[in-house]
Amino acid sequence: MAHISDEELERYCLGTITEEFELAPMEEHILACPDCAVRAERTQAYVDAVRAAASKGGHDLSHE
């Protein structure tokens, strides 16, 4: 598998990838590729920060 795109990492961190055929190779790649692992951690931190900011502002992003 080639490196994971930014868009795919965002989908992964948002939890919108649910199909095993798509999820399994991505998770395997993240475990095996230090570059993608770091990018996944940074993307998850960004997603978490946006969710935290939205929840403090009274916005509910759980349905999006």
Protein backbone atom coordinates (compact mmCIF):
# COMPACT_ATOMS: atom_id res chain seq x y z
CA MET A 1 0.00 0.00 0.00
CA ALA A 2 1.24 3.48 -0.85
CA HIS A 3 1.30 6.13 1.84
CA ILE A 4 -2.15 7.07 3.07
CA SER A 5 -3.51 10.34 1.71
CA ASP A 6 -4.42 13.21 4.02
CA GLU A 7 -8.07 12.78 3.08
CA GLU A 8 -8.03 9.09 3.95
CA LEU A 9 -6.31 9.78 7.27
CA GLU A 10 -8.96 12.34 8.07
CA ARG A 11 -11.73 9.86 7.25
CA TYR A 12 -9.96 7.25 9.39
CA CYS A 13 -9.61 9.60 12.37
CA LEU A 14 -13.21 10.75 12.03
CA GLY A 15 -14.32 7.13 12.14
CA THR A 16 -16.11 7.25 8.81
CA ILE A 17 -14.25 4.25 7.39
CA THR A 18 -16.24 1.27 8.61
CA GLU A 19 -15.80 -1.39 5.94
CA GLU A 20 -13.25 -4.02 6.97
CA PHE A 21 -11.86 -4.32 3.42
CA GLU A 22 -10.87 -0.64 3.58
CA LEU A 23 -10.06 -0.36 7.27
CA ALA A 24 -7.78 -3.39 7.75
CA PRO A 25 -5.11 -2.48 5.16
CA MET A 26 -5.09 1.10 6.39
CA GLU A 27 -4.55 0.06 10.01
CA GLU A 28 -1.84 -2.41 8.98
CA HIS A 29 -0.07 0.31 7.01
CA ILE A 30 -0.25 2.76 9.93
CA LEU A 31 1.28 0.13 12.22
CA ALA A 32 4.08 -0.62 9.75
CA CYS A 33 4.86 2.87 8.44
CA PRO A 34 6.38 5.34 10.92
CA ASP A 35 5.64 8.31 8.64
CA CYS A 36 1.95 7.49 8.34
CA ALA A 37 1.75 6.66 12.06
CA VAL A 38 3.00 10.16 12.93
CA ARG A 39 0.63 11.73 10.41
CA ALA A 40 -2.26 9.70 11.84
CA GLU A 41 -1.42 10.87 15.37
CA ARG A 42 -1.30 14.49 14.22
CA THR A 43 -4.55 14.14 12.29
CA GLN A 44 -6.25 12.55 15.31
CA ALA A 45 -5.03 15.39 17.53
CA TYR A 46 -6.45 17.90 15.05
CA VAL A 47 -9.81 16.08 14.85
CA ASP A 48 -9.95 15.91 18.66
CA ALA A 49 -9.16 19.63 18.97
CA VAL A 50 -11.85 20.58 16.46
CA ARG A 51 -14.39 18.40 18.25
CA ALA A 52 -13.44 19.90 21.62
CA ALA A 53 -13.68 23.45 20.29
CA ALA A 54 -17.02 22.72 18.66
CA SER A 55 -18.44 21.19 21.83
CA LYS A 56 -17.36 24.23 23.86
CA GLY A 57 -19.08 26.43 21.33
CA GLY A 58 -22.33 24.51 21.63
CA HIS A 59 -22.02 22.73 18.27
CA ASP A 60 -22.76 19.04 18.02
CA LEU A 61 -20.54 17.34 15.42
CA SER A 62 -21.50 13.80 16.36
CA HIS A 63 -23.96 13.50 13.48
CA GLU A 64 -21.57 14.81 10.82
